[in-house]
Amino acid sequence: MTATAVLESPSVTTDAPASTSPLTRDEVTELIERNLPLVQHVLFQVAAHYPRHADREELAQAATLGLVEAAHRFDPARGDRKSVV
């Protein structure tokens, strides 16, 4: 799943209430795009331990949603990290 597909998905929004994210919408979007390859890498490693009948697309959606939520909660004042996760 590409960053564009994630951001254009009707179930994913990069709008967060001002009180939960000190970042602008563009900054949140960049954070998601920059960290999506990391999420896909971790997902690939984790999925190898799930049974074959497990829905890989559902795991990918849950992982991506976790990234989006983490991007909204990210506070650069608490320290600058290379990735959200």
Protein backbone atom coordinates (compact mmCIF):
# COMPACT_ATOMS: atom_id res chain seq x y z
CA MET A 1 0.00 0.00 0.00
CA THR A 2 1.45 3.36 -0.99
CA ALA A 3 1.40 6.49 1.14
CA THR A 4 -0.93 8.12 -1.36
CA ALA A 5 -3.33 5.19 -1.17
CA VAL A 6 -3.27 5.35 2.62
CA LEU A 7 -3.98 9.06 2.68
CA GLU A 8 -6.72 8.83 0.05
CA SER A 9 -8.49 5.95 1.77
CA PRO A 10 -11.98 6.97 2.94
CA SER A 11 -11.35 5.33 6.32
CA VAL A 12 -8.12 7.23 7.00
CA THR A 13 -7.98 10.91 7.78
CA THR A 14 -5.00 13.09 8.54
CA ASP A 15 -7.21 15.65 10.25
CA ALA A 16 -6.78 15.58 14.01
CA PRO A 17 -8.17 17.85 16.64
CA ALA A 18 -5.72 20.66 17.39
CA SER A 19 -5.36 19.48 20.97
CA THR A 20 -3.98 16.05 20.02
CA SER A 21 -1.33 17.00 17.47
CA PRO A 22 1.10 19.91 17.54
CA LEU A 23 1.89 19.22 13.87
CA THR A 24 0.21 20.69 10.81
CA ARG A 25 -1.69 18.48 8.39
CA ASP A 26 1.24 18.63 5.93
CA GLU A 27 3.70 17.63 8.66
CA VAL A 28 1.52 14.69 9.70
CA THR A 29 1.24 13.61 6.05
CA GLU A 30 5.02 13.79 5.62
CA LEU A 31 5.54 11.79 8.82
CA ILE A 32 3.19 9.08 7.55
CA GLU A 33 4.83 8.96 4.11
CA ARG A 34 8.32 8.84 5.61
CA ASN A 35 7.48 5.98 8.00
CA LEU A 36 5.24 3.84 5.79
CA PRO A 37 8.19 1.74 4.50
CA LEU A 38 9.15 0.95 8.11
CA VAL A 39 5.60 -0.19 8.85
CA GLN A 40 5.61 -2.38 5.74
CA HIS A 41 8.96 -3.89 6.75
CA VAL A 42 7.76 -4.73 10.27
CA LEU A 43 4.49 -6.07 8.87
CA PHE A 44 6.38 -8.40 6.53
CA GLN A 45 8.38 -9.78 9.45
CA VAL A 46 5.36 -10.18 11.72
CA ALA A 47 3.13 -11.69 9.02
CA ALA A 48 5.60 -14.54 8.58
CA HIS A 49 4.59 -15.78 12.05
CA TYR A 50 0.85 -15.71 11.37
CA PRO A 51 -1.02 -18.69 9.91
CA ARG A 52 -1.45 -18.73 6.14
CA HIS A 53 -5.21 -18.25 6.46
CA ALA A 54 -4.74 -14.93 8.30
CA ASP A 55 -5.89 -11.98 6.21
CA ARG A 56 -2.67 -10.15 5.26
CA GLU A 57 -4.59 -7.15 3.93
CA GLU A 58 -6.35 -6.74 7.27
CA LEU A 59 -2.98 -6.86 9.06
CA ALA A 60 -1.65 -4.21 6.65
CA GLN A 61 -4.64 -1.97 7.33
CA ALA A 62 -4.24 -2.32 11.09
CA ALA A 63 -0.52 -1.55 10.87
CA THR A 64 -1.15 1.49 8.70
CA LEU A 65 -3.86 2.75 11.03
CA GLY A 66 -1.40 2.41 13.90
CA LEU A 67 1.07 4.57 11.98
CA VAL A 68 -1.58 7.22 11.30
CA GLU A 69 -2.56 7.31 14.97
CA ALA A 70 1.08 7.51 16.04
CA ALA A 71 1.70 10.37 13.60
CA HIS A 72 -1.20 12.30 15.12
CA ARG A 73 0.13 11.75 18.64
CA PHE A 74 3.74 12.54 17.74
CA ASP A 75 5.10 15.53 19.64
CA PRO A 76 8.46 16.82 18.36
CA ALA A 77 8.93 18.72 21.62
CA ARG A 78 9.42 15.39 23.39
CA GLY A 79 12.43 14.59 21.24
CA ASP A 80 13.29 14.27 17.59
CA ARG A 81 13.39 10.71 16.33
CA LYS A 82 14.15 9.30 12.92
CA SER A 83 10.84 7.44 12.94
CA VAL A 84 7.51 7.56 14.74
CA VAL A 85 7.53 3.96 15.88
